[in-house]
Amino acid sequence: MLGTKELRSGERLVLLRNPWGEDFYGNAWHDEGGEWTPEKVAQREIPVDARDGLFYASVEDLFRNIETTFINYDT
């Protein structure tokens, strides 16, 4: 988990990274997902379809699909 983003429309997203460098997330907010309207693309902080393992997921999808999250503060 690298960060969070709240769009002007109110949708709350979490920026995640797959360390294997591919975007396997298949829900609405993956790189080619249907939720990315031109206005919302302008609010992204990562390039669309970069194939770098970075992708967004909604907060609701994250809580629905992940049982445990560990946080490591890098000092």
Protein backbone atom coordinates (compact mmCIF):
# COMPACT_ATOMS: atom_id res chain seq x y z
CA MET A 1 0.00 0.00 0.00
CA LEU A 2 1.61 3.22 -1.16
CA GLY A 3 -1.00 5.90 -0.61
CA THR A 4 -4.60 7.04 -0.83
CA LYS A 5 -6.51 9.30 -3.18
CA GLU A 6 -9.93 10.90 -2.88
CA LEU A 7 -11.35 11.98 -6.23
CA ARG A 8 -13.46 15.10 -6.59
CA SER A 9 -16.44 12.78 -7.12
CA GLY A 10 -15.94 11.45 -3.56
CA GLU A 11 -14.60 8.03 -4.48
CA ARG A 12 -11.82 6.90 -2.13
CA LEU A 13 -8.99 4.89 -3.66
CA VAL A 14 -5.92 3.14 -2.33
CA LEU A 15 -2.72 3.06 -4.39
CA LEU A 16 -1.23 -0.43 -4.30
CA ARG A 17 1.84 -2.04 -5.86
CA ASN A 18 2.18 -5.59 -7.04
CA PRO A 19 5.91 -6.34 -6.50
CA TRP A 20 5.93 -8.71 -9.49
CA GLY A 21 5.34 -5.71 -11.77
CA GLU A 22 2.00 -6.67 -13.27
CA ASP A 23 -1.49 -5.34 -12.69
CA PHE A 24 -3.62 -8.42 -11.97
CA TYR A 25 -6.39 -6.48 -10.23
CA GLY A 26 -9.52 -7.02 -12.30
CA ASN A 27 -12.08 -4.70 -10.72
CA ALA A 28 -13.18 -1.23 -11.78
CA TRP A 29 -10.05 0.76 -10.88
CA HIS A 30 -7.31 -1.22 -12.61
CA ASP A 31 -5.35 0.58 -15.33
CA GLU A 32 -7.86 -0.15 -18.11
CA GLY A 33 -10.88 -0.18 -15.76
CA GLY A 34 -14.19 1.33 -16.75
CA GLU A 35 -14.29 3.84 -13.89
CA TRP A 36 -11.49 5.97 -15.39
CA THR A 37 -13.36 8.75 -17.17
CA PRO A 38 -11.21 11.48 -18.78
CA GLU A 39 -11.87 13.77 -15.78
CA LYS A 40 -10.80 11.08 -13.31
CA VAL A 41 -7.72 10.19 -15.38
CA ALA A 42 -6.60 13.81 -14.96
CA GLN A 43 -6.65 13.26 -11.16
CA ARG A 44 -4.43 10.16 -11.26
CA GLU A 45 -0.96 10.44 -9.84
CA ILE A 46 0.39 7.45 -11.76
CA PRO A 47 0.41 6.92 -15.54
CA VAL A 48 -2.42 4.91 -17.07
CA ASP A 49 -1.40 1.46 -18.32
CA ALA A 50 2.22 1.77 -17.24
CA ARG A 51 2.58 -2.00 -16.59
CA ASP A 52 4.65 -1.18 -13.51
CA GLY A 53 2.58 -3.01 -10.91
CA LEU A 54 0.95 0.19 -9.58
CA PHE A 55 -2.83 0.27 -9.50
CA TYR A 56 -5.72 1.76 -7.57
CA ALA A 57 -8.46 -0.13 -5.73
CA SER A 58 -11.49 1.32 -4.01
CA VAL A 59 -11.38 1.37 -0.22
CA GLU A 60 -14.52 -0.78 -0.21
CA ASP A 61 -12.93 -3.44 -2.47
CA LEU A 62 -9.80 -3.44 -0.34
CA PHE A 63 -11.74 -4.08 2.88
CA ARG A 64 -13.94 -6.68 1.18
CA ASN A 65 -11.02 -8.69 -0.26
CA ILE A 66 -8.16 -8.40 2.23
CA GLU A 67 -8.34 -10.02 5.65
CA THR A 68 -5.11 -8.71 7.17
CA THR A 69 -2.89 -5.72 6.51
CA PHE A 70 0.51 -5.18 8.12
CA ILE A 71 1.97 -1.67 8.30
CA ASN A 72 5.70 -1.17 8.43
CA TYR A 73 6.82 2.37 9.14
CA ASP A 74 10.06 2.99 7.27
CA THR A 75 12.19 5.30 9.38
